Each structure stands twice: as C-alpha cells, then as structure tokens.
Amino acid sequence: MMKFDQQAFEELTPQCRGKVVYHDVVESTNDEARKDIISGKCSSGNLYIAGYQTSGRGRGGNRWVCPEGEGLLFSLVIDPDVAPALWYRMSLAAGLAIVDVLRDLGIEAKLKWPNDIYVNDKKLGGILIEKVDDLLIVGVGLNVNVREFPSEVAERATSLSAVLGENVNREVLLSEIVCSIYKNGSLIGGNFGRLIERVMECFYLKNERVSMIVNGETVMGQVLGMSENGYLMMKKEGGFVEINQASEIKILRLS
C-alpha cells in the first residue's frame, strides 16, 4: 500500500499548491469539505484527499468502499461561473472529465448517467456533487490500483490496474483529472450543448432498456439519449418522458 505523495502531486499541479488537505483516514472527503466551507476555512480551489474513507458514499446514500491507498478519493471545491440552478450539470462535466483522462490511457471508459464511470460493464468510479452555501463540492471515488474487491461487489466492480494489467501513478492521474474537471466544467453554461454531444459519444445507457426508481416508483423503458438540459430521455409505455433525477438505474438485458 503506497501513501499518496502530496508533494509530488502539487509539483505536477501548481494551481493546487497550498490548497490541498490530505488525511490518511476520514469519514468522507465531501464531509471534510462541507465542514470547512461552513466554518469559513475553505475557498474555491481547495482539494480534499483521503487515503481511506470510513463512510464514503455515493448518490442516494449508497456506500462507497475502496481499500486503503488503492484508489483516488477526493473532493474538489469550486465556484462555477453560472447560476446555481445549473450547478447540477457539473456531475456530467466531471464524469466526462474522468472519461477523457481514462481514454487517453487507452481505456474505453463510459459514463453512466448521471454520475458513474464504467469499463467493460463494470463500475470503476462515481461522482457526488453537493452544494454547500455558495460553493460546490465535486466528490470523486475511483478504483485505481485495487487488487481485490469484497465478494458482494466483485462481479460488478473493476479498477484501472485490473484493466491495464499494471499499477497506475495516482499523483499523475489526479493531476490530469483535476485539470480536466476545470476544462470540462467551463462548458456547463452556454457551451453545454457541446458537452452533451461529447457525453453522448461515451454514453453507457444509450438505446438500453432500463429500470430505475423515480420519485419512489419503478420506471422502465428504453433510453434514447439526453435532452439539452442533460436530463435522461426515455421511451416507455404511453409515450416519452424526460427524467431529471433517478436512482438504482439497472440495464435490463436478456441473459
């Protein structure tokens, strides 16, 4: 188990120098960022990194587990230059940012709306964005050098090292992802249409039949794509629907 080298990361990412908060163990990097925002200790550009999270979580309160020192667990605090009503778009922007970096590594990563990264039909990572006061927290959990997964997720999860057959330098990877998040995050305003086009090029759910929970009810249908707002477009019995929030999205495939 290799400890994250904060100094090496800051040398690779000078814009983050002096803004990195590293902990070997925390409950959640998003929670650490939230506490510092509320207490006035945090500003846009702060980056919270952990070697291990005891209470990491994904969307909908789902638990996120990654062995110590084998993943990237971080929260980037930003102040998007658009109206807060549009900040939800950062989930897609951050997802695309990670996909871009992984594809540069030769990995055919895909984005599962609205916030999960998939490779070879297995989950590689996820994103959780949270608005706190006048700032936005972009939380990311990514399986990097994970060698073994708990039995309950082993068939559904993967890591970069499993895909590539070798370990990945986490400091270099994080540096590239942070830069990519800023680059793609700049598209959530007037250029959002271009971001949607690019997401559709790596869209995991396109044309798939799926089930999902929407407002407490199960909805099933075929995914057609995304609307100009980044919402899911579905064809179901009775017509077409546009979905802006859902959980437990599952692909329905004949086995």
C-alpha atoms as a PDB file:
ATOM      1  CA  MET A   1       0.000   0.000   0.000  1.00  0.00           C
ATOM      2  CA  MET A   2       1.546   3.286  -1.155  1.00  0.00           C
ATOM      3  CA  LYS A   3       0.707   6.536   0.611  1.00  0.00           C
ATOM      4  CA  PHE A   4      -0.387   9.376  -1.663  1.00  0.00           C
ATOM      5  CA  ASP A   5       2.529  11.751  -2.342  1.00  0.00           C
ATOM      6  CA  GLN A   6       1.050  15.201  -1.806  1.00  0.00           C
ATOM      7  CA  GLN A   7       4.295  16.996  -2.666  1.00  0.00           C
ATOM      8  CA  ALA A   8       4.627  15.181  -5.985  1.00  0.00           C
ATOM      9  CA  PHE A   9       1.008  15.999  -6.824  1.00  0.00           C
ATOM     10  CA  GLU A  10       1.462  19.705  -6.039  1.00  0.00           C
ATOM     11  CA  GLU A  11       4.596  19.840  -8.194  1.00  0.00           C
ATOM     12  CA  LEU A  12       2.570  18.394 -11.068  1.00  0.00           C
ATOM     13  CA  THR A  13      -0.379  20.716 -10.352  1.00  0.00           C
ATOM     14  CA  PRO A  14       0.975  24.101  -9.256  1.00  0.00           C
ATOM     15  CA  GLN A  15      -2.503  25.678  -9.288  1.00  0.00           C
ATOM     16  CA  CYS A  16      -3.342  23.435  -6.319  1.00  0.00           C
ATOM     17  CA  ARG A  17      -0.232  24.266  -4.308  1.00  0.00           C
ATOM     18  CA  GLY A  18      -1.187  25.312  -0.783  1.00  0.00           C
ATOM     19  CA  LYS A  19      -4.817  24.298  -1.299  1.00  0.00           C
ATOM     20  CA  VAL A  20      -4.520  20.553  -0.666  1.00  0.00           C
ATOM     21  CA  VAL A  21      -5.825  18.997   2.550  1.00  0.00           C
ATOM     22  CA  TYR A  22      -4.725  15.368   2.902  1.00  0.00           C
ATOM     23  CA  HIS A  23      -5.891  12.846   5.504  1.00  0.00           C
ATOM     24  CA  ASP A  24      -4.861   9.215   5.816  1.00  0.00           C
ATOM     25  CA  VAL A  25      -8.356   8.372   7.079  1.00  0.00           C
ATOM     26  CA  VAL A  26     -11.601  10.377   7.131  1.00  0.00           C
ATOM     27  CA  GLU A  27     -15.275   9.565   7.200  1.00  0.00           C
ATOM     28  CA  SER A  28     -15.755  11.306   3.846  1.00  0.00           C
ATOM     29  CA  THR A  29     -13.802  13.923   1.890  1.00  0.00           C
ATOM     30  CA  ASN A  30     -17.108  15.621   0.999  1.00  0.00           C
ATOM     31  CA  ASP A  31     -17.888  15.904   4.703  1.00  0.00           C
ATOM     32  CA  GLU A  32     -14.448  17.415   5.385  1.00  0.00           C
ATOM     33  CA  ALA A  33     -15.010  19.980   2.638  1.00  0.00           C
ATOM     34  CA  ARG A  34     -18.515  20.723   3.923  1.00  0.00           C
ATOM     35  CA  LYS A  35     -17.257  21.379   7.482  1.00  0.00           C
ATOM     36  CA  ASP A  36     -14.554  23.752   6.247  1.00  0.00           C
ATOM     37  CA  ILE A  37     -16.954  25.642   3.973  1.00  0.00           C
ATOM     38  CA  ILE A  38     -19.428  26.157   6.814  1.00  0.00           C
ATOM     39  CA  SER A  39     -16.663  27.290   9.202  1.00  0.00           C
ATOM     40  CA  GLY A  40     -15.176  29.660   6.616  1.00  0.00           C
ATOM     41  CA  LYS A  41     -11.869  27.788   6.283  1.00  0.00           C
ATOM     42  CA  CYS A  42     -12.423  26.775   2.666  1.00  0.00           C
ATOM     43  CA  SER A  43     -12.499  28.617  -0.644  1.00  0.00           C
ATOM     44  CA  SER A  44     -12.831  27.715  -4.305  1.00  0.00           C
ATOM     45  CA  GLY A  45      -9.921  25.536  -5.435  1.00  0.00           C
ATOM     46  CA  ASN A  46      -9.440  23.657  -2.172  1.00  0.00           C
ATOM     47  CA  LEU A  47      -8.855  19.945  -2.690  1.00  0.00           C
ATOM     48  CA  TYR A  48      -9.520  17.303  -0.031  1.00  0.00           C
ATOM     49  CA  ILE A  49      -7.831  13.919  -0.477  1.00  0.00           C
ATOM     50  CA  ALA A  50      -8.032  10.793   1.654  1.00  0.00           C
ATOM     51  CA  GLY A  51      -6.153   7.532   1.711  1.00  0.00           C
ATOM     52  CA  TYR A  52      -9.247   5.816   3.081  1.00  0.00           C
ATOM     53  CA  GLN A  53     -12.862   6.728   3.831  1.00  0.00           C
ATOM     54  CA  THR A  54     -14.771   5.034   6.630  1.00  0.00           C
ATOM     55  CA  SER A  55     -18.132   6.425   5.478  1.00  0.00           C
ATOM     56  CA  GLY A  56     -17.672   7.147   1.795  1.00  0.00           C
ATOM     57  CA  ARG A  57     -20.969   7.454  -0.015  1.00  0.00           C
ATOM     58  CA  GLY A  58     -22.356   7.692  -3.478  1.00  0.00           C
ATOM     59  CA  ARG A  59     -25.549   9.104  -4.860  1.00  0.00           C
ATOM     60  CA  GLY A  60     -28.732   8.272  -2.962  1.00  0.00           C
ATOM     61  CA  GLY A  61     -26.763   7.481   0.184  1.00  0.00           C
ATOM     62  CA  ASN A  62     -25.222   4.299  -1.225  1.00  0.00           C
ATOM     63  CA  ARG A  63     -21.990   3.274   0.487  1.00  0.00           C
ATOM     64  CA  TRP A  64     -18.708   3.626  -1.422  1.00  0.00           C
ATOM     65  CA  VAL A  65     -15.845   1.382  -0.317  1.00  0.00           C
ATOM     66  CA  CYS A  66     -12.268   1.358  -1.611  1.00  0.00           C
ATOM     67  CA  PRO A  67      -9.288  -0.340   0.107  1.00  0.00           C
ATOM     68  CA  GLU A  68      -6.774   1.974   1.763  1.00  0.00           C
ATOM     69  CA  GLY A  69      -4.216   3.506  -0.602  1.00  0.00           C
ATOM     70  CA  GLU A  70      -5.621   1.781  -3.692  1.00  0.00           C
ATOM     71  CA  GLY A  71      -7.947   4.446  -5.049  1.00  0.00           C
ATOM     72  CA  LEU A  72      -8.408   8.136  -5.612  1.00  0.00           C
ATOM     73  CA  LEU A  73     -10.797   9.570  -3.036  1.00  0.00           C
ATOM     74  CA  PHE A  74     -11.073  13.335  -3.284  1.00  0.00           C
ATOM     75  CA  SER A  75     -13.353  16.369  -3.206  1.00  0.00           C
ATOM     76  CA  LEU A  76     -12.674  19.498  -5.245  1.00  0.00           C
ATOM     77  CA  VAL A  77     -14.373  22.708  -4.123  1.00  0.00           C
ATOM     78  CA  ILE A  78     -15.340  25.063  -6.918  1.00  0.00           C
ATOM     79  CA  ASP A  79     -17.400  28.178  -7.568  1.00  0.00           C
ATOM     80  CA  PRO A  80     -18.966  27.585 -11.006  1.00  0.00           C
ATOM     81  CA  ASP A  81     -19.327  30.697 -13.156  1.00  0.00           C
ATOM     82  CA  VAL A  82     -23.017  30.023 -13.858  1.00  0.00           C
ATOM     83  CA  ALA A  83     -26.295  30.370 -11.963  1.00  0.00           C
ATOM     84  CA  PRO A  84     -26.616  27.873  -9.078  1.00  0.00           C
ATOM     85  CA  ALA A  85     -29.681  26.390 -10.809  1.00  0.00           C
ATOM     86  CA  LEU A  86     -27.280  24.967 -13.411  1.00  0.00           C
ATOM     87  CA  TRP A  87     -24.729  23.525 -10.977  1.00  0.00           C
ATOM     88  CA  TYR A  88     -26.234  20.030 -11.307  1.00  0.00           C
ATOM     89  CA  ARG A  89     -24.572  19.929 -14.729  1.00  0.00           C
ATOM     90  CA  MET A  90     -21.180  19.568 -13.036  1.00  0.00           C
ATOM     91  CA  SER A  91     -21.940  15.891 -12.427  1.00  0.00           C
ATOM     92  CA  LEU A  92     -21.853  15.222 -16.181  1.00  0.00           C
ATOM     93  CA  ALA A  93     -18.899  17.579 -16.692  1.00  0.00           C
ATOM     94  CA  ALA A  94     -16.827  15.832 -14.013  1.00  0.00           C
ATOM     95  CA  GLY A  95     -17.789  12.419 -15.375  1.00  0.00           C
ATOM     96  CA  LEU A  96     -16.733  13.410 -18.873  1.00  0.00           C
ATOM     97  CA  ALA A  97     -13.505  14.858 -17.453  1.00  0.00           C
ATOM     98  CA  ILE A  98     -12.594  11.479 -15.961  1.00  0.00           C
ATOM     99  CA  VAL A  99     -13.599   9.593 -19.118  1.00  0.00           C
ATOM    100  CA  ASP A 100     -11.357  11.901 -21.174  1.00  0.00           C
ATOM    101  CA  VAL A 101      -8.347  11.140 -18.964  1.00  0.00           C
ATOM    102  CA  LEU A 102      -9.015   7.389 -18.998  1.00  0.00           C
ATOM    103  CA  ARG A 103      -9.421   7.306 -22.758  1.00  0.00           C
ATOM    104  CA  ASP A 104      -6.022   8.986 -23.068  1.00  0.00           C
ATOM    105  CA  LEU A 105      -4.725   5.925 -21.167  1.00  0.00           C
ATOM    106  CA  GLY A 106      -6.317   3.677 -23.786  1.00  0.00           C
ATOM    107  CA  ILE A 107      -9.259   2.670 -21.594  1.00  0.00           C
ATOM    108  CA  GLU A 108     -12.672   2.589 -23.261  1.00  0.00           C
ATOM    109  CA  ALA A 109     -14.454   4.204 -20.335  1.00  0.00           C
ATOM    110  CA  LYS A 110     -18.134   5.149 -20.484  1.00  0.00           C
ATOM    111  CA  LEU A 111     -20.353   7.485 -18.494  1.00  0.00           C
ATOM    112  CA  LYS A 112     -23.494   6.067 -16.914  1.00  0.00           C
ATOM    113  CA  TRP A 113     -25.954   8.918 -16.407  1.00  0.00           C
ATOM    114  CA  PRO A 114     -25.657  10.899 -14.332  1.00  0.00           C
ATOM    115  CA  ASN A 115     -22.536  10.166 -12.297  1.00  0.00           C
ATOM    116  CA  ASP A 116     -20.886   6.735 -12.685  1.00  0.00           C
ATOM    117  CA  ILE A 117     -17.840   5.621 -14.667  1.00  0.00           C
ATOM    118  CA  TYR A 118     -17.993   2.182 -16.274  1.00  0.00           C
ATOM    119  CA  VAL A 119     -15.468  -0.007 -18.092  1.00  0.00           C
ATOM    120  CA  ASN A 120     -16.380  -3.376 -19.607  1.00  0.00           C
ATOM    121  CA  ASP A 121     -19.824  -3.265 -17.947  1.00  0.00           C
ATOM    122  CA  LYS A 122     -18.235  -2.863 -14.502  1.00  0.00           C
ATOM    123  CA  LYS A 123     -18.208   0.161 -12.240  1.00  0.00           C
ATOM    124  CA  LEU A 124     -14.876   1.957 -11.970  1.00  0.00           C
ATOM    125  CA  GLY A 125     -15.905   5.039 -10.050  1.00  0.00           C
ATOM    126  CA  GLY A 126     -18.559   7.554  -9.162  1.00  0.00           C
ATOM    127  CA  ILE A 127     -19.183  11.243  -8.581  1.00  0.00           C
ATOM    128  CA  LEU A 128     -21.177  13.002  -5.881  1.00  0.00           C
ATOM    129  CA  ILE A 129     -21.753  16.753  -6.153  1.00  0.00           C
ATOM    130  CA  GLU A 130     -23.116  18.745  -3.228  1.00  0.00           C
ATOM    131  CA  LYS A 131     -23.917  22.449  -2.937  1.00  0.00           C
ATOM    132  CA  VAL A 132     -22.866  23.994   0.365  1.00  0.00           C
ATOM    133  CA  ASP A 133     -23.529  27.701   0.891  1.00  0.00           C
ATOM    134  CA  ASP A 134     -22.138  29.445  -2.201  1.00  0.00           C
ATOM    135  CA  LEU A 135     -19.746  26.683  -3.235  1.00  0.00           C
ATOM    136  CA  LEU A 136     -19.995  23.310  -4.974  1.00  0.00           C
ATOM    137  CA  ILE A 137     -18.218  20.159  -3.831  1.00  0.00           C
ATOM    138  CA  VAL A 138     -17.257  17.696  -6.563  1.00  0.00           C
ATOM    139  CA  GLY A 139     -16.589  14.393  -4.807  1.00  0.00           C
ATOM    140  CA  VAL A 140     -14.948  11.534  -6.704  1.00  0.00           C
ATOM    141  CA  GLY A 141     -14.217   7.928  -5.833  1.00  0.00           C
ATOM    142  CA  LEU A 142     -12.155   5.978  -8.362  1.00  0.00           C
ATOM    143  CA  ASN A 143     -10.787   2.440  -8.130  1.00  0.00           C
ATOM    144  CA  VAL A 144      -7.170   2.776  -9.264  1.00  0.00           C
ATOM    145  CA  ASN A 145      -4.888   0.010  -8.003  1.00  0.00           C
ATOM    146  CA  VAL A 146      -7.490  -2.175  -6.293  1.00  0.00           C
ATOM    147  CA  ARG A 147      -6.407  -5.823  -6.413  1.00  0.00           C
ATOM    148  CA  GLU A 148      -9.318  -7.490  -4.640  1.00  0.00           C
ATOM    149  CA  PHE A 149     -12.918  -6.411  -4.135  1.00  0.00           C
ATOM    150  CA  PRO A 150     -15.332  -7.512  -1.409  1.00  0.00           C
ATOM    151  CA  SER A 151     -17.319 -10.537  -2.556  1.00  0.00           C
ATOM    152  CA  GLU A 152     -20.587  -8.575  -2.674  1.00  0.00           C
ATOM    153  CA  VAL A 153     -19.271  -6.222  -5.402  1.00  0.00           C
ATOM    154  CA  ALA A 154     -16.539  -8.313  -7.040  1.00  0.00           C
ATOM    155  CA  GLU A 155     -18.619  -9.127 -10.121  1.00  0.00           C
ATOM    156  CA  ARG A 156     -19.796  -5.542 -10.605  1.00  0.00           C
ATOM    157  CA  ALA A 157     -16.626  -3.541  -9.904  1.00  0.00           C
ATOM    158  CA  THR A 158     -13.272  -3.059 -11.600  1.00  0.00           C
ATOM    159  CA  SER A 159     -10.112  -0.956 -11.257  1.00  0.00           C
ATOM    160  CA  LEU A 160      -7.632   0.702 -13.587  1.00  0.00           C
ATOM    161  CA  SER A 161      -4.905  -1.770 -12.655  1.00  0.00           C
ATOM    162  CA  ALA A 162      -7.237  -4.690 -13.413  1.00  0.00           C
ATOM    163  CA  VAL A 163      -7.988  -3.243 -16.857  1.00  0.00           C
ATOM    164  CA  LEU A 164      -4.421  -2.216 -17.702  1.00  0.00           C
ATOM    165  CA  GLY A 165      -2.590  -5.100 -16.030  1.00  0.00           C
ATOM    166  CA  GLU A 166      -0.308  -2.724 -14.134  1.00  0.00           C
ATOM    167  CA  ASN A 167      -0.454  -0.163 -11.350  1.00  0.00           C
ATOM    168  CA  VAL A 168      -1.179   3.471 -12.152  1.00  0.00           C
ATOM    169  CA  ASN A 169       0.567   6.521 -10.681  1.00  0.00           C
ATOM    170  CA  ARG A 170      -2.183   8.142  -8.604  1.00  0.00           C
ATOM    171  CA  GLU A 171      -0.460  11.532  -8.325  1.00  0.00           C
ATOM    172  CA  VAL A 172      -0.202  11.906 -12.110  1.00  0.00           C
ATOM    173  CA  LEU A 173      -3.730  10.603 -12.583  1.00  0.00           C
ATOM    174  CA  LEU A 174      -5.234  13.035 -10.070  1.00  0.00           C
ATOM    175  CA  SER A 175      -3.347  15.954 -11.595  1.00  0.00           C
ATOM    176  CA  GLU A 176      -4.765  15.143 -15.023  1.00  0.00           C
ATOM    177  CA  ILE A 177      -8.292  14.648 -13.667  1.00  0.00           C
ATOM    178  CA  VAL A 178      -8.320  17.955 -11.747  1.00  0.00           C
ATOM    179  CA  CYS A 179      -7.185  19.842 -14.861  1.00  0.00           C
ATOM    180  CA  SER A 180      -9.795  18.011 -16.921  1.00  0.00           C
ATOM    181  CA  ILE A 181     -12.576  18.868 -14.440  1.00  0.00           C
ATOM    182  CA  TYR A 182     -11.763  22.567 -14.736  1.00  0.00           C
ATOM    183  CA  LYS A 183     -11.632  22.307 -18.540  1.00  0.00           C
ATOM    184  CA  ASN A 184     -14.946  20.466 -18.885  1.00  0.00           C
ATOM    185  CA  GLY A 185     -16.556  22.420 -16.076  1.00  0.00           C
ATOM    186  CA  SER A 186     -16.198  25.563 -18.168  1.00  0.00           C
ATOM    187  CA  LEU A 187     -18.768  24.080 -20.580  1.00  0.00           C
ATOM    188  CA  ILE A 188     -21.756  23.893 -18.201  1.00  0.00           C
ATOM    189  CA  GLY A 189     -23.050  27.314 -19.241  1.00  0.00           C
ATOM    190  CA  GLY A 190     -23.582  28.464 -22.823  1.00  0.00           C
ATOM    191  CA  ASN A 191     -21.487  25.613 -24.236  1.00  0.00           C
ATOM    192  CA  PHE A 192     -23.467  22.857 -22.518  1.00  0.00           C
ATOM    193  CA  GLY A 193     -24.774  21.572 -25.849  1.00  0.00           C
ATOM    194  CA  ARG A 194     -21.232  20.724 -26.886  1.00  0.00           C
ATOM    195  CA  LEU A 195     -20.664  18.916 -23.574  1.00  0.00           C
ATOM    196  CA  ILE A 196     -23.847  16.878 -24.116  1.00  0.00           C
ATOM    197  CA  GLU A 197     -22.630  15.897 -27.606  1.00  0.00           C
ATOM    198  CA  ARG A 198     -19.369  14.660 -26.155  1.00  0.00           C
ATOM    199  CA  VAL A 199     -21.096  12.774 -23.345  1.00  0.00           C
ATOM    200  CA  MET A 200     -23.259  11.007 -25.925  1.00  0.00           C
ATOM    201  CA  GLU A 201     -20.075   9.686 -27.558  1.00  0.00           C
ATOM    202  CA  CYS A 202     -19.317   7.725 -24.370  1.00  0.00           C
ATOM    203  CA  PHE A 203     -22.874   7.230 -23.097  1.00  0.00           C
ATOM    204  CA  TYR A 204     -23.276   3.896 -21.314  1.00  0.00           C
ATOM    205  CA  LEU A 205     -27.076   3.733 -21.384  1.00  0.00           C
ATOM    206  CA  LYS A 206     -27.846   4.731 -24.975  1.00  0.00           C
ATOM    207  CA  ASN A 207     -30.577   2.545 -26.533  1.00  0.00           C
ATOM    208  CA  GLU A 208     -30.602   0.248 -23.485  1.00  0.00           C
ATOM    209  CA  ARG A 209     -33.764  -0.938 -21.773  1.00  0.00           C
ATOM    210  CA  VAL A 210     -33.532   0.082 -18.134  1.00  0.00           C
ATOM    211  CA  SER A 211     -35.391   0.171 -14.856  1.00  0.00           C
ATOM    212  CA  MET A 212     -34.958   2.963 -12.311  1.00  0.00           C
ATOM    213  CA  ILE A 213     -36.519   4.489  -9.240  1.00  0.00           C
ATOM    214  CA  VAL A 214     -38.119   7.887  -9.900  1.00  0.00           C
ATOM    215  CA  ASN A 215     -39.917   9.627  -7.021  1.00  0.00           C
ATOM    216  CA  GLY A 216     -40.189   6.308  -5.201  1.00  0.00           C
ATOM    217  CA  GLU A 217     -41.708   4.436  -8.135  1.00  0.00           C
ATOM    218  CA  THR A 218     -40.119   1.963 -10.557  1.00  0.00           C
ATOM    219  CA  VAL A 219     -39.986   3.223 -14.154  1.00  0.00           C
ATOM    220  CA  MET A 220     -38.997   1.037 -17.100  1.00  0.00           C
ATOM    221  CA  GLY A 221     -38.321   1.940 -20.698  1.00  0.00           C
ATOM    222  CA  GLN A 222     -35.722   2.438 -23.414  1.00  0.00           C
ATOM    223  CA  VAL A 223     -33.128   5.187 -23.065  1.00  0.00           C
ATOM    224  CA  LEU A 224     -32.968   7.360 -26.176  1.00  0.00           C
ATOM    225  CA  GLY A 225     -30.359   9.857 -25.049  1.00  0.00           C
ATOM    226  CA  MET A 226     -30.227  13.149 -23.180  1.00  0.00           C
ATOM    227  CA  SER A 227     -32.105  16.408 -23.540  1.00  0.00           C
ATOM    228  CA  GLU A 228     -30.437  19.782 -23.976  1.00  0.00           C
ATOM    229  CA  ASN A 229     -30.605  20.145 -20.181  1.00  0.00           C
ATOM    230  CA  GLY A 230     -28.738  16.895 -19.575  1.00  0.00           C
ATOM    231  CA  TYR A 231     -31.860  15.018 -18.495  1.00  0.00           C
ATOM    232  CA  LEU A 232     -32.482  11.420 -19.483  1.00  0.00           C
ATOM    233  CA  MET A 233     -34.857  10.873 -22.427  1.00  0.00           C
ATOM    234  CA  MET A 234     -36.827   7.627 -22.224  1.00  0.00           C
ATOM    235  CA  LYS A 235     -39.434   5.868 -24.318  1.00  0.00           C
ATOM    236  CA  LYS A 236     -41.952   3.952 -22.225  1.00  0.00           C
ATOM    237  CA  GLU A 237     -45.485   2.694 -22.463  1.00  0.00           C
ATOM    238  CA  GLY A 238     -47.670   5.703 -23.048  1.00  0.00           C
ATOM    239  CA  GLY A 239     -45.028   7.864 -24.712  1.00  0.00           C
ATOM    240  CA  PHE A 240     -41.811   9.683 -23.961  1.00  0.00           C
ATOM    241  CA  VAL A 241     -40.573  11.019 -20.628  1.00  0.00           C
ATOM    242  CA  GLU A 242     -37.764  13.320 -19.529  1.00  0.00           C
ATOM    243  CA  ILE A 243     -36.157  12.374 -16.212  1.00  0.00           C
ATOM    244  CA  ASN A 244     -34.015  14.768 -14.227  1.00  0.00           C
ATOM    245  CA  GLN A 245     -33.384  12.582 -11.154  1.00  0.00           C
ATOM    246  CA  ALA A 246     -33.375   8.829 -10.632  1.00  0.00           C
ATOM    247  CA  SER A 247     -31.664   6.125  -8.580  1.00  0.00           C
ATOM    248  CA  GLU A 248     -30.949   2.403  -8.838  1.00  0.00           C
ATOM    249  CA  ILE A 249     -30.650   2.533 -12.616  1.00  0.00           C
ATOM    250  CA  LYS A 250     -30.303  -1.004 -13.950  1.00  0.00           C
ATOM    251  CA  ILE A 251     -29.895  -2.238 -17.521  1.00  0.00           C
ATOM    252  CA  LEU A 252     -32.400  -4.940 -18.449  1.00  0.00           C
ATOM    253  CA  ARG A 253     -30.632  -7.441 -20.693  1.00  0.00           C
ATOM    254  CA  LEU A 254     -31.617 -10.937 -21.722  1.00  0.00           C
ATOM    255  CA  SER A 255     -29.244 -13.350 -20.013  1.00  0.00           C
END
